[in-house]
Amino acid sequence: MAISCKEGGHVAEAPRQTSTTAQRLAELRRAHAYDATLQNLLAVLTAKLDLSTRLPVYEYEADSEGFSETASFLSALASAERESVQEILSSLRQHLDRTAGRFTSEVSS
Protein backbone atom coordinates (compact mmCIF):
# COMPACT_ATOMS: atom_id res chain seq x y z
CA MET A 1 0.00 0.00 0.00
CA ALA A 2 1.53 3.32 -1.04
CA ILE A 3 0.96 6.21 1.34
CA SER A 4 2.31 9.69 0.74
CA CYS A 5 1.96 13.05 2.44
CA LYS A 6 0.75 16.05 0.52
CA GLU A 7 0.60 19.53 2.03
CA GLY A 8 0.46 18.23 5.59
CA GLY A 9 -2.36 15.74 4.95
CA HIS A 10 -2.29 12.10 4.10
CA VAL A 11 -3.09 11.00 0.60
CA ALA A 12 -3.31 7.28 0.07
CA GLU A 13 -2.96 5.57 -3.25
CA ALA A 14 -4.55 2.20 -3.93
CA PRO A 15 -2.05 -0.53 -4.74
CA ARG A 16 -1.99 -1.30 -8.43
CA GLN A 17 -3.20 -4.62 -9.69
CA THR A 18 -0.28 -6.69 -10.87
CA SER A 19 0.22 -6.68 -14.60
CA THR A 20 0.41 -10.48 -14.51
CA THR A 21 -3.16 -10.76 -13.20
CA ALA A 22 -4.40 -8.22 -15.73
CA GLN A 23 -2.62 -10.07 -18.54
CA ARG A 24 -4.17 -13.39 -17.51
CA LEU A 25 -7.65 -11.88 -17.45
CA ALA A 26 -7.07 -10.32 -20.87
CA GLU A 27 -5.86 -13.67 -22.25
CA LEU A 28 -9.03 -15.39 -20.98
CA ARG A 29 -11.17 -12.71 -22.59
CA ARG A 30 -9.43 -13.12 -25.95
CA ALA A 31 -9.53 -16.92 -25.85
CA HIS A 32 -13.27 -16.96 -25.13
CA ALA A 33 -14.47 -13.87 -26.98
CA TYR A 34 -17.86 -15.43 -27.83
CA ASP A 35 -18.76 -16.46 -24.27
CA ALA A 36 -20.86 -13.62 -22.80
CA THR A 37 -21.18 -15.36 -19.42
CA LEU A 38 -17.42 -15.66 -19.14
CA GLN A 39 -17.04 -12.01 -20.13
CA ASN A 40 -19.52 -11.03 -17.42
CA LEU A 41 -17.78 -13.13 -14.76
CA LEU A 42 -14.43 -11.60 -15.70
CA ALA A 43 -15.88 -8.08 -15.55
CA VAL A 44 -17.31 -8.72 -12.08
CA LEU A 45 -14.02 -10.26 -10.94
CA THR A 46 -12.05 -7.28 -12.23
CA ALA A 47 -14.34 -4.83 -10.42
CA LYS A 48 -14.22 -6.85 -7.18
CA LEU A 49 -10.40 -7.10 -7.30
CA ASP A 50 -10.16 -3.35 -7.83
CA LEU A 51 -12.50 -2.67 -4.91
CA SER A 52 -10.67 -5.17 -2.72
CA THR A 53 -7.39 -3.31 -3.25
CA ARG A 54 -8.95 0.09 -2.51
CA LEU A 55 -10.91 -0.73 0.64
CA PRO A 56 -7.88 -1.10 2.96
CA VAL A 57 -6.72 2.33 1.82
CA TYR A 58 -10.14 3.81 2.55
CA GLU A 59 -10.12 2.08 5.94
CA TYR A 60 -6.70 3.55 6.75
CA GLU A 61 -7.80 7.04 5.74
CA ALA A 62 -11.00 6.86 7.81
CA ASP A 63 -9.08 5.59 10.83
CA SER A 64 -6.33 8.21 10.51
CA GLU A 65 -9.00 10.94 10.35
CA GLY A 66 -10.60 9.63 13.54
CA PHE A 67 -13.62 7.90 12.02
CA SER A 68 -13.17 4.55 13.73
CA GLU A 69 -16.74 3.36 13.13
CA THR A 70 -16.37 4.00 9.41
CA ALA A 71 -12.96 2.30 9.44
CA SER A 72 -14.51 -0.75 11.11
CA PHE A 73 -17.28 -0.82 8.51
CA LEU A 74 -14.74 -0.61 5.68
CA SER A 75 -12.70 -3.40 7.26
CA ALA A 76 -15.77 -5.64 7.42
CA LEU A 77 -16.65 -4.71 3.85
CA ALA A 78 -13.11 -5.59 2.71
CA SER A 79 -13.46 -8.99 4.37
CA ALA A 80 -16.79 -9.60 2.65
CA GLU A 81 -15.32 -8.55 -0.69
CA ARG A 82 -12.44 -11.02 -0.29
CA GLU A 83 -15.00 -13.78 0.32
CA SER A 84 -17.01 -12.73 -2.72
CA VAL A 85 -13.85 -12.83 -4.86
CA GLN A 86 -13.38 -16.45 -3.80
CA GLU A 87 -17.00 -17.22 -4.75
CA ILE A 88 -16.55 -15.58 -8.15
CA LEU A 89 -13.35 -17.56 -8.73
CA SER A 90 -15.20 -20.76 -7.89
CA SER A 91 -17.99 -19.89 -10.32
CA LEU A 92 -15.43 -18.97 -12.96
CA ARG A 93 -13.65 -22.33 -12.55
CA GLN A 94 -16.96 -24.19 -12.88
CA HIS A 95 -17.88 -22.22 -15.97
CA LEU A 96 -14.51 -22.85 -17.60
CA ASP A 97 -14.75 -26.57 -16.80
CA ARG A 98 -18.25 -26.78 -18.33
CA THR A 99 -17.32 -24.88 -21.47
CA ALA A 100 -13.83 -26.32 -22.09
CA GLY A 101 -13.40 -26.74 -25.83
CA ARG A 102 -16.86 -25.42 -26.65
CA PHE A 103 -15.79 -22.02 -27.97
CA THR A 104 -12.35 -22.93 -29.28
CA SER A 105 -13.92 -25.41 -31.71
CA GLU A 106 -16.28 -22.68 -32.98
CA VAL A 107 -13.36 -20.33 -33.62
CA SER A 108 -11.30 -22.91 -35.54
CA SER A 109 -14.25 -23.91 -37.78
C-alpha atoms as a PDB file:
ATOM      1  CA  MET A   1       0.000   0.000   0.000  1.00  0.00           C
ATOM      2  CA  ALA A   2       1.535   3.321  -1.042  1.00  0.00           C
ATOM      3  CA  ILE A   3       0.960   6.214   1.345  1.00  0.00           C
ATOM      4  CA  SER A   4       2.307   9.691   0.740  1.00  0.00           C
ATOM      5  CA  CYS A   5       1.962  13.053   2.442  1.00  0.00           C
ATOM      6  CA  LYS A   6       0.746  16.045   0.519  1.00  0.00           C
ATOM      7  CA  GLU A   7       0.603  19.529   2.029  1.00  0.00           C
ATOM      8  CA  GLY A   8       0.460  18.227   5.589  1.00  0.00           C
ATOM      9  CA  GLY A   9      -2.360  15.742   4.950  1.00  0.00           C
ATOM     10  CA  HIS A  10      -2.294  12.095   4.095  1.00  0.00           C
ATOM     11  CA  VAL A  11      -3.094  11.003   0.604  1.00  0.00           C
ATOM     12  CA  ALA A  12      -3.311   7.279   0.066  1.00  0.00           C
ATOM     13  CA  GLU A  13      -2.959   5.571  -3.252  1.00  0.00           C
ATOM     14  CA  ALA A  14      -4.554   2.202  -3.929  1.00  0.00           C
ATOM     15  CA  PRO A  15      -2.054  -0.533  -4.737  1.00  0.00           C
ATOM     16  CA  ARG A  16      -1.990  -1.300  -8.429  1.00  0.00           C
ATOM     17  CA  GLN A  17      -3.202  -4.620  -9.691  1.00  0.00           C
ATOM     18  CA  THR A  18      -0.283  -6.686 -10.872  1.00  0.00           C
ATOM     19  CA  SER A  19       0.218  -6.682 -14.603  1.00  0.00           C
ATOM     20  CA  THR A  20       0.405 -10.475 -14.510  1.00  0.00           C
ATOM     21  CA  THR A  21      -3.163 -10.761 -13.204  1.00  0.00           C
ATOM     22  CA  ALA A  22      -4.398  -8.216 -15.732  1.00  0.00           C
ATOM     23  CA  GLN A  23      -2.624 -10.071 -18.537  1.00  0.00           C
ATOM     24  CA  ARG A  24      -4.165 -13.387 -17.513  1.00  0.00           C
ATOM     25  CA  LEU A  25      -7.654 -11.884 -17.447  1.00  0.00           C
ATOM     26  CA  ALA A  26      -7.066 -10.322 -20.869  1.00  0.00           C
ATOM     27  CA  GLU A  27      -5.864 -13.672 -22.246  1.00  0.00           C
ATOM     28  CA  LEU A  28      -9.025 -15.394 -20.983  1.00  0.00           C
ATOM     29  CA  ARG A  29     -11.170 -12.711 -22.592  1.00  0.00           C
ATOM     30  CA  ARG A  30      -9.429 -13.119 -25.952  1.00  0.00           C
ATOM     31  CA  ALA A  31      -9.529 -16.917 -25.854  1.00  0.00           C
ATOM     32  CA  HIS A  32     -13.272 -16.960 -25.132  1.00  0.00           C
ATOM     33  CA  ALA A  33     -14.468 -13.866 -26.978  1.00  0.00           C
ATOM     34  CA  TYR A  34     -17.856 -15.432 -27.832  1.00  0.00           C
ATOM     35  CA  ASP A  35     -18.760 -16.457 -24.274  1.00  0.00           C
ATOM     36  CA  ALA A  36     -20.860 -13.622 -22.802  1.00  0.00           C
ATOM     37  CA  THR A  37     -21.182 -15.363 -19.421  1.00  0.00           C
ATOM     38  CA  LEU A  38     -17.420 -15.656 -19.137  1.00  0.00           C
ATOM     39  CA  GLN A  39     -17.039 -12.012 -20.133  1.00  0.00           C
ATOM     40  CA  ASN A  40     -19.524 -11.034 -17.416  1.00  0.00           C
ATOM     41  CA  LEU A  41     -17.782 -13.130 -14.757  1.00  0.00           C
ATOM     42  CA  LEU A  42     -14.429 -11.597 -15.696  1.00  0.00           C
ATOM     43  CA  ALA A  43     -15.884  -8.077 -15.554  1.00  0.00           C
ATOM     44  CA  VAL A  44     -17.306  -8.718 -12.083  1.00  0.00           C
ATOM     45  CA  LEU A  45     -14.018 -10.262 -10.944  1.00  0.00           C
ATOM     46  CA  THR A  46     -12.045  -7.280 -12.235  1.00  0.00           C
ATOM     47  CA  ALA A  47     -14.337  -4.831 -10.421  1.00  0.00           C
ATOM     48  CA  LYS A  48     -14.217  -6.850  -7.177  1.00  0.00           C
ATOM     49  CA  LEU A  49     -10.405  -7.100  -7.298  1.00  0.00           C
ATOM     50  CA  ASP A  50     -10.164  -3.351  -7.834  1.00  0.00           C
ATOM     51  CA  LEU A  51     -12.503  -2.666  -4.913  1.00  0.00           C
ATOM     52  CA  SER A  52     -10.668  -5.174  -2.724  1.00  0.00           C
ATOM     53  CA  THR A  53      -7.395  -3.309  -3.246  1.00  0.00           C
ATOM     54  CA  ARG A  54      -8.949   0.089  -2.514  1.00  0.00           C
ATOM     55  CA  LEU A  55     -10.909  -0.728   0.640  1.00  0.00           C
ATOM     56  CA  PRO A  56      -7.884  -1.100   2.960  1.00  0.00           C
ATOM     57  CA  VAL A  57      -6.724   2.329   1.820  1.00  0.00           C
ATOM     58  CA  TYR A  58     -10.139   3.808   2.555  1.00  0.00           C
ATOM     59  CA  GLU A  59     -10.123   2.084   5.937  1.00  0.00           C
ATOM     60  CA  TYR A  60      -6.698   3.551   6.753  1.00  0.00           C
ATOM     61  CA  GLU A  61      -7.797   7.040   5.741  1.00  0.00           C
ATOM     62  CA  ALA A  62     -10.999   6.863   7.813  1.00  0.00           C
ATOM     63  CA  ASP A  63      -9.083   5.587  10.832  1.00  0.00           C
ATOM     64  CA  SER A  64      -6.331   8.207  10.510  1.00  0.00           C
ATOM     65  CA  GLU A  65      -8.998  10.937  10.347  1.00  0.00           C
ATOM     66  CA  GLY A  66     -10.604   9.632  13.541  1.00  0.00           C
ATOM     67  CA  PHE A  67     -13.624   7.904  12.021  1.00  0.00           C
ATOM     68  CA  SER A  68     -13.170   4.553  13.735  1.00  0.00           C
ATOM     69  CA  GLU A  69     -16.743   3.361  13.126  1.00  0.00           C
ATOM     70  CA  THR A  70     -16.367   3.998   9.408  1.00  0.00           C
ATOM     71  CA  ALA A  71     -12.956   2.302   9.437  1.00  0.00           C
ATOM     72  CA  SER A  72     -14.514  -0.751  11.112  1.00  0.00           C
ATOM     73  CA  PHE A  73     -17.282  -0.823   8.512  1.00  0.00           C
ATOM     74  CA  LEU A  74     -14.738  -0.607   5.684  1.00  0.00           C
ATOM     75  CA  SER A  75     -12.697  -3.397   7.265  1.00  0.00           C
ATOM     76  CA  ALA A  76     -15.770  -5.639   7.422  1.00  0.00           C
ATOM     77  CA  LEU A  77     -16.652  -4.715   3.848  1.00  0.00           C
ATOM     78  CA  ALA A  78     -13.113  -5.593   2.712  1.00  0.00           C
ATOM     79  CA  SER A  79     -13.458  -8.988   4.367  1.00  0.00           C
ATOM     80  CA  ALA A  80     -16.794  -9.604   2.655  1.00  0.00           C
ATOM     81  CA  GLU A  81     -15.315  -8.552  -0.693  1.00  0.00           C
ATOM     82  CA  ARG A  82     -12.438 -11.023  -0.291  1.00  0.00           C
ATOM     83  CA  GLU A  83     -14.996 -13.779   0.320  1.00  0.00           C
ATOM     84  CA  SER A  84     -17.013 -12.735  -2.725  1.00  0.00           C
ATOM     85  CA  VAL A  85     -13.851 -12.833  -4.858  1.00  0.00           C
ATOM     86  CA  GLN A  86     -13.383 -16.452  -3.802  1.00  0.00           C
ATOM     87  CA  GLU A  87     -17.002 -17.217  -4.751  1.00  0.00           C
ATOM     88  CA  ILE A  88     -16.554 -15.578  -8.149  1.00  0.00           C
ATOM     89  CA  LEU A  89     -13.348 -17.561  -8.729  1.00  0.00           C
ATOM     90  CA  SER A  90     -15.196 -20.761  -7.892  1.00  0.00           C
ATOM     91  CA  SER A  91     -17.993 -19.891 -10.322  1.00  0.00           C
ATOM     92  CA  LEU A  92     -15.429 -18.973 -12.956  1.00  0.00           C
ATOM     93  CA  ARG A  93     -13.647 -22.326 -12.546  1.00  0.00           C
ATOM     94  CA  GLN A  94     -16.960 -24.186 -12.875  1.00  0.00           C
ATOM     95  CA  HIS A  95     -17.884 -22.219 -15.966  1.00  0.00           C
ATOM     96  CA  LEU A  96     -14.511 -22.852 -17.604  1.00  0.00           C
ATOM     97  CA  ASP A  97     -14.750 -26.567 -16.798  1.00  0.00           C
ATOM     98  CA  ARG A  98     -18.252 -26.777 -18.329  1.00  0.00           C
ATOM     99  CA  THR A  99     -17.322 -24.884 -21.474  1.00  0.00           C
ATOM    100  CA  ALA A 100     -13.828 -26.318 -22.093  1.00  0.00           C
ATOM    101  CA  GLY A 101     -13.399 -26.741 -25.831  1.00  0.00           C
ATOM    102  CA  ARG A 102     -16.862 -25.417 -26.648  1.00  0.00           C
ATOM    103  CA  PHE A 103     -15.795 -22.022 -27.968  1.00  0.00           C
ATOM    104  CA  THR A 104     -12.354 -22.931 -29.281  1.00  0.00           C
ATOM    105  CA  SER A 105     -13.915 -25.411 -31.711  1.00  0.00           C
ATOM    106  CA  GLU A 106     -16.280 -22.682 -32.981  1.00  0.00           C
ATOM    107  CA  VAL A 107     -13.358 -20.329 -33.620  1.00  0.00           C
ATOM    108  CA  SER A 108     -11.303 -22.909 -35.543  1.00  0.00           C
ATOM    109  CA  SER A 109     -14.254 -23.911 -37.776  1.00  0.00           C
END
